N, C-alpha and C. Protein backbone atom coordinates (compact mmCIF):
# COMPACT_ATOMS: atom_id res chain seq x y z
N MET A 1 0.84 -1.18 0.00
CA MET A 1 0.00 0.00 0.00
C MET A 1 0.88 1.23 0.00
N ASP A 2 0.59 2.14 -0.88
CA ASP A 2 1.32 3.40 -0.93
C ASP A 2 0.42 4.50 -0.38
N PHE A 3 0.83 5.05 0.75
CA PHE A 3 0.14 6.20 1.32
C PHE A 3 0.85 7.46 0.83
N ALA A 4 0.14 8.58 0.84
CA ALA A 4 0.76 9.86 0.51
C ALA A 4 1.90 10.10 1.50
N PRO A 5 2.94 10.79 1.07
CA PRO A 5 4.09 11.00 1.96
C PRO A 5 3.74 11.61 3.31
N ASP A 6 2.83 12.59 3.34
CA ASP A 6 2.49 13.20 4.63
C ASP A 6 1.67 12.24 5.49
N THR A 7 0.88 11.39 4.88
CA THR A 7 0.15 10.37 5.64
C THR A 7 1.13 9.38 6.25
N LEU A 8 2.07 8.92 5.46
CA LEU A 8 3.06 7.97 5.96
C LEU A 8 3.89 8.60 7.08
N GLU A 9 4.27 9.85 6.92
CA GLU A 9 5.04 10.54 7.95
C GLU A 9 4.23 10.66 9.25
N ALA A 10 2.95 11.01 9.14
CA ALA A 10 2.11 11.14 10.33
C ALA A 10 1.87 9.80 11.00
N LEU A 11 1.69 8.74 10.22
CA LEU A 11 1.51 7.40 10.79
C LEU A 11 2.79 6.93 11.47
N THR A 12 3.92 7.19 10.85
CA THR A 12 5.21 6.82 11.45
C THR A 12 5.40 7.56 12.76
N PHE A 13 5.05 8.83 12.78
CA PHE A 13 5.17 9.58 14.03
C PHE A 13 4.20 9.04 15.08
N ALA A 14 2.97 8.70 14.67
CA ALA A 14 2.00 8.15 15.62
C ALA A 14 2.53 6.88 16.28
N VAL A 15 3.22 6.04 15.50
CA VAL A 15 3.83 4.84 16.06
C VAL A 15 4.91 5.23 17.07
N ALA A 16 5.77 6.16 16.69
CA ALA A 16 6.85 6.58 17.59
C ALA A 16 6.27 7.18 18.87
N LEU A 17 5.27 8.02 18.74
CA LEU A 17 4.63 8.63 19.91
C LEU A 17 3.95 7.56 20.75
N GLY A 18 3.18 6.70 20.10
CA GLY A 18 2.46 5.65 20.81
C GLY A 18 3.37 4.68 21.53
N ASN A 19 4.57 4.51 21.01
CA ASN A 19 5.51 3.55 21.60
C ASN A 19 6.45 4.19 22.62
N THR A 20 6.02 5.29 23.21
CA THR A 20 6.80 5.91 24.29
C THR A 20 6.26 5.54 25.66
N THR A 21 5.21 4.73 25.73
CA THR A 21 4.66 4.34 27.03
C THR A 21 5.55 3.28 27.67
N ALA A 22 5.42 3.11 28.97
CA ALA A 22 6.20 2.09 29.67
C ALA A 22 5.90 0.70 29.14
N ARG A 23 4.69 0.46 28.69
CA ARG A 23 4.31 -0.88 28.21
C ARG A 23 4.70 -1.12 26.75
N SER A 24 5.35 -0.12 26.12
CA SER A 24 5.73 -0.31 24.72
C SER A 24 7.11 0.27 24.38
N SER A 25 7.75 0.94 25.29
CA SER A 25 9.03 1.59 24.97
C SER A 25 10.18 0.58 25.00
N ARG A 26 11.26 0.96 24.38
CA ARG A 26 12.45 0.10 24.32
C ARG A 26 13.04 -0.15 25.70
N ASN A 27 12.96 0.83 26.59
CA ASN A 27 13.62 0.70 27.88
C ASN A 27 12.66 0.38 29.03
N GLY A 28 11.38 0.17 28.73
CA GLY A 28 10.41 -0.19 29.76
C GLY A 28 9.98 0.97 30.64
N ALA A 29 10.35 2.18 30.27
CA ALA A 29 9.98 3.36 31.04
C ALA A 29 9.15 4.30 30.15
N ASP A 30 8.37 5.14 30.78
CA ASP A 30 7.61 6.14 30.04
C ASP A 30 8.59 7.18 29.51
N GLU A 31 8.75 7.22 28.22
CA GLU A 31 9.71 8.13 27.61
C GLU A 31 9.22 9.57 27.57
N LEU A 32 7.96 9.80 27.93
CA LEU A 32 7.43 11.16 28.01
C LEU A 32 7.15 11.57 29.45
N SER A 33 8.01 11.13 30.35
CA SER A 33 7.83 11.49 31.75
C SER A 33 8.52 12.81 32.08
N SER A 34 9.19 13.39 31.09
CA SER A 34 9.89 14.65 31.33
C SER A 34 9.91 15.48 30.04
N LEU A 35 10.22 16.75 30.21
CA LEU A 35 10.35 17.64 29.06
C LEU A 35 11.51 17.20 28.16
N ALA A 36 12.55 16.65 28.77
CA ALA A 36 13.69 16.15 27.98
C ALA A 36 13.24 15.02 27.06
N GLY A 37 12.36 14.15 27.55
CA GLY A 37 11.84 13.07 26.74
C GLY A 37 11.04 13.58 25.55
N LEU A 38 10.22 14.61 25.79
CA LEU A 38 9.46 15.22 24.70
C LEU A 38 10.40 15.85 23.69
N SER A 39 11.40 16.54 24.19
CA SER A 39 12.38 17.18 23.30
C SER A 39 13.10 16.13 22.46
N ASP A 40 13.48 15.01 23.07
CA ASP A 40 14.14 13.93 22.33
C ASP A 40 13.24 13.38 21.23
N LEU A 41 11.96 13.20 21.56
CA LEU A 41 11.01 12.66 20.58
C LEU A 41 10.86 13.59 19.38
N ILE A 42 10.57 14.85 19.63
CA ILE A 42 10.29 15.74 18.50
C ILE A 42 11.54 16.17 17.75
N ALA A 43 12.71 15.90 18.32
CA ALA A 43 13.96 16.19 17.60
C ALA A 43 14.08 15.34 16.34
N HIS A 44 13.40 14.19 16.33
CA HIS A 44 13.50 13.26 15.20
C HIS A 44 12.40 13.46 14.15
N TYR A 45 11.48 14.38 14.41
CA TYR A 45 10.35 14.59 13.50
C TYR A 45 10.18 16.08 13.24
N PRO A 46 9.97 16.46 11.98
CA PRO A 46 9.91 17.89 11.64
C PRO A 46 8.56 18.53 11.97
N PHE A 47 8.45 19.09 13.15
CA PHE A 47 7.24 19.84 13.50
C PHE A 47 7.54 21.31 13.32
N SER A 48 6.92 21.90 12.33
CA SER A 48 7.06 23.34 12.15
C SER A 48 6.06 24.02 13.08
N GLY A 49 6.28 25.26 13.34
CA GLY A 49 5.33 26.02 14.16
C GLY A 49 5.70 26.05 15.63
N ARG A 50 4.72 26.39 16.40
CA ARG A 50 4.87 26.65 17.83
C ARG A 50 5.28 25.41 18.62
N ILE A 51 6.32 25.56 19.41
CA ILE A 51 6.72 24.54 20.39
C ILE A 51 7.05 25.29 21.67
N ASP A 52 6.24 25.07 22.71
CA ASP A 52 6.41 25.81 23.97
C ASP A 52 7.46 25.19 24.88
N GLY A 53 7.57 23.87 24.88
CA GLY A 53 8.56 23.21 25.73
C GLY A 53 8.27 23.33 27.21
N ASP A 54 6.98 23.36 27.57
CA ASP A 54 6.64 23.47 29.00
C ASP A 54 5.81 22.27 29.45
N GLU A 55 5.54 22.22 30.75
CA GLU A 55 4.80 21.09 31.34
C GLU A 55 3.39 20.96 30.76
N SER A 56 2.75 22.06 30.46
CA SER A 56 1.41 22.01 29.87
C SER A 56 1.44 21.34 28.51
N GLU A 57 2.43 21.67 27.73
CA GLU A 57 2.57 21.05 26.41
C GLU A 57 2.85 19.55 26.56
N LEU A 58 3.70 19.19 27.51
CA LEU A 58 4.01 17.79 27.75
C LEU A 58 2.74 17.02 28.11
N ARG A 59 1.93 17.56 29.01
CA ARG A 59 0.67 16.89 29.39
C ARG A 59 -0.25 16.73 28.18
N ASP A 60 -0.31 17.73 27.32
CA ASP A 60 -1.16 17.66 26.13
C ASP A 60 -0.64 16.61 25.15
N VAL A 61 0.66 16.50 25.00
CA VAL A 61 1.23 15.48 24.11
C VAL A 61 0.98 14.08 24.67
N VAL A 62 1.08 13.92 25.98
CA VAL A 62 0.78 12.62 26.60
C VAL A 62 -0.69 12.27 26.36
N LEU A 63 -1.58 13.23 26.50
CA LEU A 63 -3.00 13.01 26.18
C LEU A 63 -3.16 12.60 24.72
N THR A 64 -2.46 13.27 23.85
CA THR A 64 -2.50 12.94 22.42
C THR A 64 -2.04 11.51 22.19
N ARG A 65 -0.96 11.14 22.85
CA ARG A 65 -0.45 9.76 22.73
C ARG A 65 -1.54 8.76 23.09
N GLU A 66 -2.23 8.97 24.19
CA GLU A 66 -3.26 8.02 24.63
C GLU A 66 -4.43 7.99 23.66
N ARG A 67 -4.83 9.14 23.17
CA ARG A 67 -5.96 9.18 22.23
C ARG A 67 -5.62 8.49 20.90
N LEU A 68 -4.42 8.71 20.40
CA LEU A 68 -4.02 8.05 19.15
C LEU A 68 -3.86 6.55 19.36
N ARG A 69 -3.32 6.13 20.51
CA ARG A 69 -3.20 4.69 20.81
C ARG A 69 -4.58 4.04 20.84
N GLU A 70 -5.54 4.71 21.44
CA GLU A 70 -6.91 4.17 21.51
C GLU A 70 -7.48 3.98 20.11
N MET A 71 -7.26 4.94 19.24
CA MET A 71 -7.84 4.87 17.90
C MET A 71 -7.15 3.85 17.01
N TRP A 72 -5.92 3.47 17.35
CA TRP A 72 -5.10 2.61 16.48
C TRP A 72 -5.80 1.32 16.11
N THR A 73 -6.50 0.71 17.05
CA THR A 73 -7.13 -0.58 16.76
C THR A 73 -8.65 -0.53 16.83
N MET A 74 -9.21 0.65 16.82
CA MET A 74 -10.68 0.76 16.79
C MET A 74 -11.21 0.25 15.45
N VAL A 75 -12.42 -0.25 15.48
CA VAL A 75 -13.08 -0.58 14.22
C VAL A 75 -13.30 0.73 13.47
N PRO A 76 -13.32 0.69 12.14
CA PRO A 76 -13.40 1.93 11.37
C PRO A 76 -14.54 2.87 11.78
N ASP A 77 -15.72 2.34 12.07
CA ASP A 77 -16.83 3.23 12.45
C ASP A 77 -16.53 4.01 13.72
N SER A 78 -15.97 3.34 14.72
CA SER A 78 -15.62 4.01 15.97
C SER A 78 -14.46 4.98 15.76
N ALA A 79 -13.48 4.56 14.99
CA ALA A 79 -12.34 5.44 14.72
C ALA A 79 -12.79 6.69 13.98
N ALA A 80 -13.70 6.53 13.03
CA ALA A 80 -14.20 7.68 12.27
C ALA A 80 -14.86 8.69 13.20
N LEU A 81 -15.64 8.20 14.15
CA LEU A 81 -16.27 9.12 15.11
C LEU A 81 -15.22 9.85 15.94
N ALA A 82 -14.21 9.12 16.40
CA ALA A 82 -13.15 9.74 17.20
C ALA A 82 -12.35 10.75 16.37
N ILE A 83 -12.06 10.40 15.14
CA ILE A 83 -11.33 11.30 14.24
C ILE A 83 -12.14 12.57 14.01
N ASN A 84 -13.41 12.40 13.68
CA ASN A 84 -14.26 13.57 13.43
C ASN A 84 -14.33 14.47 14.65
N LYS A 85 -14.40 13.88 15.84
CA LYS A 85 -14.45 14.66 17.08
C LYS A 85 -13.15 15.45 17.28
N MET A 86 -12.01 14.78 17.06
CA MET A 86 -10.72 15.48 17.21
C MET A 86 -10.59 16.63 16.23
N LEU A 87 -11.00 16.41 15.01
CA LEU A 87 -10.93 17.47 14.00
C LEU A 87 -11.88 18.61 14.34
N GLU A 88 -13.07 18.27 14.82
CA GLU A 88 -14.03 19.29 15.23
C GLU A 88 -13.50 20.10 16.41
N ASP A 89 -12.97 19.41 17.42
CA ASP A 89 -12.44 20.10 18.60
C ASP A 89 -11.33 21.08 18.23
N ALA A 90 -10.54 20.74 17.22
CA ALA A 90 -9.44 21.60 16.79
C ALA A 90 -9.89 22.64 15.77
N ARG A 91 -11.16 22.61 15.41
CA ARG A 91 -11.68 23.49 14.36
C ARG A 91 -10.79 23.38 13.11
N ALA A 92 -10.47 22.13 12.76
CA ALA A 92 -9.56 21.85 11.66
C ALA A 92 -10.13 22.32 10.33
N ARG A 93 -9.28 22.93 9.57
CA ARG A 93 -9.61 23.39 8.22
C ARG A 93 -8.46 23.02 7.31
N PRO A 94 -8.59 21.88 6.61
CA PRO A 94 -7.48 21.40 5.79
C PRO A 94 -7.06 22.41 4.71
N TYR A 95 -5.75 22.49 4.52
CA TYR A 95 -5.20 23.32 3.46
C TYR A 95 -3.88 22.72 3.00
N LEU A 96 -3.52 23.01 1.76
CA LEU A 96 -2.25 22.54 1.21
C LEU A 96 -1.14 23.50 1.60
N ALA A 97 0.01 22.93 1.92
CA ALA A 97 1.16 23.75 2.31
C ALA A 97 2.42 23.16 1.71
N ARG A 98 3.39 24.02 1.54
CA ARG A 98 4.71 23.63 1.08
C ARG A 98 5.71 24.48 1.86
N HIS A 99 6.57 23.83 2.62
CA HIS A 99 7.53 24.58 3.44
C HIS A 99 8.70 23.69 3.84
N ASP A 100 9.76 24.31 4.31
CA ASP A 100 10.92 23.61 4.84
C ASP A 100 11.44 22.50 3.91
N GLY A 101 11.40 22.73 2.61
CA GLY A 101 11.88 21.74 1.66
C GLY A 101 10.93 20.60 1.39
N LEU A 102 9.76 20.61 2.02
CA LEU A 102 8.76 19.57 1.79
C LEU A 102 7.87 19.97 0.63
N ASP A 103 7.46 18.99 -0.17
CA ASP A 103 6.55 19.27 -1.26
C ASP A 103 5.13 19.44 -0.69
N TRP A 104 4.15 19.58 -1.54
CA TRP A 104 2.78 19.82 -1.11
C TRP A 104 2.31 18.73 -0.16
N HIS A 105 1.68 19.17 0.91
CA HIS A 105 1.12 18.24 1.90
C HIS A 105 -0.01 18.96 2.63
N LEU A 106 -0.76 18.19 3.42
CA LEU A 106 -1.91 18.75 4.13
C LEU A 106 -1.54 19.22 5.52
N HIS A 107 -2.11 20.34 5.89
CA HIS A 107 -2.16 20.80 7.27
C HIS A 107 -3.63 21.12 7.53
N ALA A 108 -4.01 21.17 8.78
CA ALA A 108 -5.40 21.52 9.08
C ALA A 108 -5.51 22.40 10.31
N THR A 109 -4.38 22.82 10.83
CA THR A 109 -4.35 23.77 11.95
C THR A 109 -3.29 24.80 11.62
N SER A 110 -3.34 25.90 12.33
CA SER A 110 -2.32 26.93 12.10
C SER A 110 -1.03 26.53 12.78
N PRO A 111 0.10 27.04 12.31
CA PRO A 111 1.38 26.74 12.96
C PRO A 111 1.42 27.25 14.41
N GLU A 112 0.54 28.16 14.77
CA GLU A 112 0.50 28.68 16.13
C GLU A 112 -0.33 27.82 17.07
N ALA A 113 -1.04 26.81 16.55
CA ALA A 113 -1.84 25.92 17.40
C ALA A 113 -0.89 25.14 18.31
N PRO A 114 -1.39 24.74 19.48
CA PRO A 114 -0.54 23.97 20.39
C PRO A 114 -0.02 22.69 19.72
N LEU A 115 1.19 22.28 20.10
CA LEU A 115 1.83 21.11 19.51
C LEU A 115 0.97 19.86 19.62
N GLY A 116 0.40 19.58 20.78
CA GLY A 116 -0.44 18.40 20.95
C GLY A 116 -1.63 18.41 20.00
N GLU A 117 -2.23 19.57 19.83
CA GLU A 117 -3.37 19.68 18.90
C GLU A 117 -2.92 19.41 17.47
N ARG A 118 -1.78 19.95 17.07
CA ARG A 118 -1.28 19.69 15.72
C ARG A 118 -0.98 18.21 15.53
N MET A 119 -0.44 17.56 16.57
CA MET A 119 -0.19 16.11 16.49
C MET A 119 -1.49 15.34 16.35
N ARG A 120 -2.51 15.71 17.13
CA ARG A 120 -3.80 15.02 17.05
C ARG A 120 -4.42 15.19 15.67
N VAL A 121 -4.36 16.38 15.13
CA VAL A 121 -4.98 16.64 13.83
C VAL A 121 -4.22 15.91 12.73
N GLU A 122 -2.89 15.97 12.75
CA GLU A 122 -2.12 15.26 11.72
C GLU A 122 -2.34 13.75 11.82
N GLY A 123 -2.38 13.23 13.04
CA GLY A 123 -2.68 11.81 13.23
C GLY A 123 -4.07 11.46 12.74
N SER A 124 -5.02 12.33 13.02
CA SER A 124 -6.40 12.10 12.58
C SER A 124 -6.51 12.10 11.06
N LEU A 125 -5.85 13.04 10.41
CA LEU A 125 -5.89 13.07 8.95
C LEU A 125 -5.27 11.81 8.36
N ALA A 126 -4.18 11.33 8.95
CA ALA A 126 -3.53 10.11 8.46
C ALA A 126 -4.44 8.90 8.68
N LEU A 127 -5.03 8.80 9.86
CA LEU A 127 -5.93 7.67 10.14
C LEU A 127 -7.17 7.74 9.24
N MET A 128 -7.58 8.94 8.89
CA MET A 128 -8.71 9.10 7.96
C MET A 128 -8.35 8.45 6.62
N ASP A 129 -7.13 8.67 6.14
CA ASP A 129 -6.70 8.05 4.88
C ASP A 129 -6.65 6.52 4.99
N VAL A 130 -6.19 6.02 6.14
CA VAL A 130 -6.14 4.57 6.34
C VAL A 130 -7.54 3.98 6.25
N ILE A 131 -8.50 4.63 6.88
CA ILE A 131 -9.89 4.15 6.85
C ILE A 131 -10.45 4.26 5.43
N ARG A 132 -10.23 5.40 4.78
CA ARG A 132 -10.79 5.61 3.44
C ARG A 132 -10.26 4.61 2.43
N THR A 133 -9.02 4.16 2.62
CA THR A 133 -8.43 3.21 1.67
C THR A 133 -8.65 1.76 2.08
N GLY A 134 -9.38 1.54 3.18
CA GLY A 134 -9.67 0.19 3.62
C GLY A 134 -8.45 -0.56 4.12
N GLU A 135 -7.48 0.15 4.68
CA GLU A 135 -6.21 -0.46 5.08
C GLU A 135 -6.02 -0.52 6.60
N THR A 136 -7.10 -0.55 7.37
CA THR A 136 -6.96 -0.56 8.83
C THR A 136 -6.24 -1.80 9.34
N ARG A 137 -6.21 -2.86 8.56
CA ARG A 137 -5.51 -4.08 8.99
C ARG A 137 -4.00 -3.85 9.09
N ARG A 138 -3.52 -2.75 8.58
CA ARG A 138 -2.09 -2.42 8.67
C ARG A 138 -1.72 -1.82 10.03
N LEU A 139 -2.72 -1.51 10.83
CA LEU A 139 -2.50 -0.92 12.15
C LEU A 139 -2.73 -2.01 13.19
N ARG A 140 -1.68 -2.40 13.89
CA ARG A 140 -1.80 -3.50 14.85
C ARG A 140 -0.99 -3.22 16.10
N ILE A 141 -1.10 -4.17 17.04
CA ILE A 141 -0.35 -4.15 18.28
C ILE A 141 0.65 -5.31 18.23
N CYS A 142 1.81 -5.09 18.79
CA CYS A 142 2.88 -6.10 18.83
C CYS A 142 2.37 -7.40 19.44
N GLU A 143 2.80 -8.53 18.87
CA GLU A 143 2.39 -9.85 19.35
C GLU A 143 3.28 -10.39 20.46
N ALA A 144 4.34 -9.69 20.82
CA ALA A 144 5.23 -10.16 21.88
C ALA A 144 4.53 -10.08 23.23
N ASP A 145 4.79 -11.07 24.08
CA ASP A 145 4.25 -11.03 25.43
C ASP A 145 4.73 -9.78 26.14
N GLU A 146 3.86 -9.20 26.93
CA GLU A 146 4.17 -8.03 27.74
C GLU A 146 4.59 -6.81 26.93
N CYS A 147 4.19 -6.73 25.68
CA CYS A 147 4.45 -5.55 24.87
C CYS A 147 3.14 -5.09 24.24
N GLU A 148 2.94 -3.81 24.23
CA GLU A 148 1.76 -3.22 23.59
C GLU A 148 2.18 -2.19 22.56
N GLY A 149 3.32 -2.43 21.93
CA GLY A 149 3.83 -1.51 20.92
C GLY A 149 2.93 -1.44 19.70
N LEU A 150 2.83 -0.26 19.12
CA LEU A 150 2.05 -0.07 17.90
C LEU A 150 2.87 -0.53 16.71
N ILE A 151 2.17 -1.09 15.73
CA ILE A 151 2.81 -1.53 14.48
C ILE A 151 2.09 -0.88 13.32
N LEU A 152 2.86 -0.36 12.39
CA LEU A 152 2.37 0.07 11.09
C LEU A 152 2.98 -0.91 10.10
N ASP A 153 2.16 -1.85 9.62
CA ASP A 153 2.66 -2.91 8.73
C ASP A 153 2.52 -2.47 7.28
N LEU A 154 3.65 -2.11 6.69
CA LEU A 154 3.65 -1.69 5.29
C LEU A 154 4.13 -2.81 4.37
N SER A 155 4.29 -4.02 4.94
CA SER A 155 4.75 -5.15 4.12
C SER A 155 3.66 -5.55 3.12
N ARG A 156 4.09 -6.10 2.03
CA ARG A 156 3.17 -6.50 0.97
C ARG A 156 2.18 -7.57 1.45
N ASN A 157 2.67 -8.51 2.25
CA ASN A 157 1.81 -9.62 2.67
C ASN A 157 1.30 -9.48 4.11
N LEU A 158 1.41 -8.29 4.67
CA LEU A 158 0.91 -8.02 6.03
C LEU A 158 1.47 -9.01 7.04
N SER A 159 2.78 -9.19 7.01
CA SER A 159 3.40 -10.22 7.85
C SER A 159 4.11 -9.68 9.09
N LYS A 160 4.12 -8.40 9.29
CA LYS A 160 4.84 -7.84 10.43
C LYS A 160 4.09 -8.16 11.71
N ARG A 161 4.77 -8.80 12.66
CA ARG A 161 4.13 -9.24 13.90
C ARG A 161 4.63 -8.50 15.13
N PHE A 162 5.81 -7.91 15.03
CA PHE A 162 6.44 -7.31 16.20
C PHE A 162 6.78 -5.85 15.94
N CYS A 163 6.79 -5.08 17.02
CA CYS A 163 7.09 -3.65 16.89
C CYS A 163 8.57 -3.38 16.71
N SER A 164 9.41 -4.35 17.06
CA SER A 164 10.86 -4.16 16.94
C SER A 164 11.54 -5.51 16.77
N ALA A 165 12.78 -5.46 16.31
CA ALA A 165 13.57 -6.69 16.21
C ALA A 165 13.77 -7.28 17.61
N ARG A 166 13.87 -6.44 18.62
CA ARG A 166 14.05 -6.91 19.99
C ARG A 166 12.87 -7.79 20.41
N CYS A 167 11.65 -7.34 20.15
CA CYS A 167 10.47 -8.13 20.52
C CYS A 167 10.42 -9.44 19.73
N GLY A 168 10.75 -9.38 18.44
CA GLY A 168 10.76 -10.59 17.62
C GLY A 168 11.80 -11.58 18.12
N SER A 169 12.99 -11.11 18.42
CA SER A 169 14.05 -11.99 18.93
C SER A 169 13.67 -12.59 20.27
N ARG A 170 13.15 -11.76 21.15
CA ARG A 170 12.76 -12.25 22.48
C ARG A 170 11.70 -13.34 22.37
N THR A 171 10.71 -13.13 21.50
CA THR A 171 9.64 -14.11 21.31
C THR A 171 10.17 -15.39 20.69
N ASN A 172 11.02 -15.25 19.69
CA ASN A 172 11.59 -16.43 19.04
C ASN A 172 12.48 -17.22 20.01
N MET A 173 13.24 -16.52 20.85
CA MET A 173 14.09 -17.22 21.82
C MET A 173 13.24 -17.95 22.85
N ALA A 174 12.15 -17.34 23.30
CA ALA A 174 11.26 -18.01 24.26
C ALA A 174 10.65 -19.26 23.64
N ALA A 175 10.24 -19.17 22.37
CA ALA A 175 9.67 -20.34 21.68
C ALA A 175 10.72 -21.43 21.53
N TYR A 176 11.96 -21.05 21.20
CA TYR A 176 13.05 -22.02 21.08
C TYR A 176 13.30 -22.73 22.42
N ARG A 177 13.37 -21.95 23.48
CA ARG A 177 13.60 -22.55 24.81
C ARG A 177 12.47 -23.49 25.19
N LYS A 178 11.25 -23.12 24.86
CA LYS A 178 10.10 -23.98 25.17
C LYS A 178 10.21 -25.29 24.39
N ARG A 179 10.56 -25.21 23.12
CA ARG A 179 10.73 -26.43 22.31
C ARG A 179 11.83 -27.31 22.87
N GLN A 180 12.92 -26.70 23.29
CA GLN A 180 14.04 -27.45 23.86
C GLN A 180 13.60 -28.13 25.15
N HIS A 181 12.87 -27.41 25.96
CA HIS A 181 12.39 -27.96 27.25
C HIS A 181 11.38 -29.10 27.02
N ASP A 182 10.48 -28.91 26.07
CA ASP A 182 9.47 -29.92 25.75
C ASP A 182 10.09 -31.15 25.10
N HIS A 183 11.20 -30.98 24.43
CA HIS A 183 11.87 -32.07 23.72
C HIS A 183 12.60 -33.01 24.70
N VAL A 184 13.01 -32.45 25.82
CA VAL A 184 13.79 -33.24 26.79
C VAL A 184 12.94 -34.21 27.53
């Protein structure tokens, strides 16, 4: 499946944001427990516009993370309602933009809108495309025990099962050990 570049970028960011919780992060800790964690996260993604870097913004981004995680595996009808509500709350008005070396893409809030709101709107627009194209099966949760990492499966045969190589290796090693134990 080929998504528009801005949709793919927003979905990739939603995965990164969603996988900052203690139950899905690489280090088992909430990666958004501090302003430094938020700064580290957004350093890897091009957010133009307003960034306050304060506790209020951090709380709003954490709220955004939870709302996007909830929508990730909703059935399309429920997700559509949640998306529409987020867009309505933000008074979103889609428009085409070109900036910072990026070609034409969609925005639906002003650059002065709070960072969390811009994240919610961009995530909502991306999830809207996933629903419209009938590709919700590409949005999943990691199959590893004790992991709730988000997965965006862009493979041709929808075969991605784990959020990271670490989860895949850990699961495969546990299965190997079980086979060895059962064989004895």
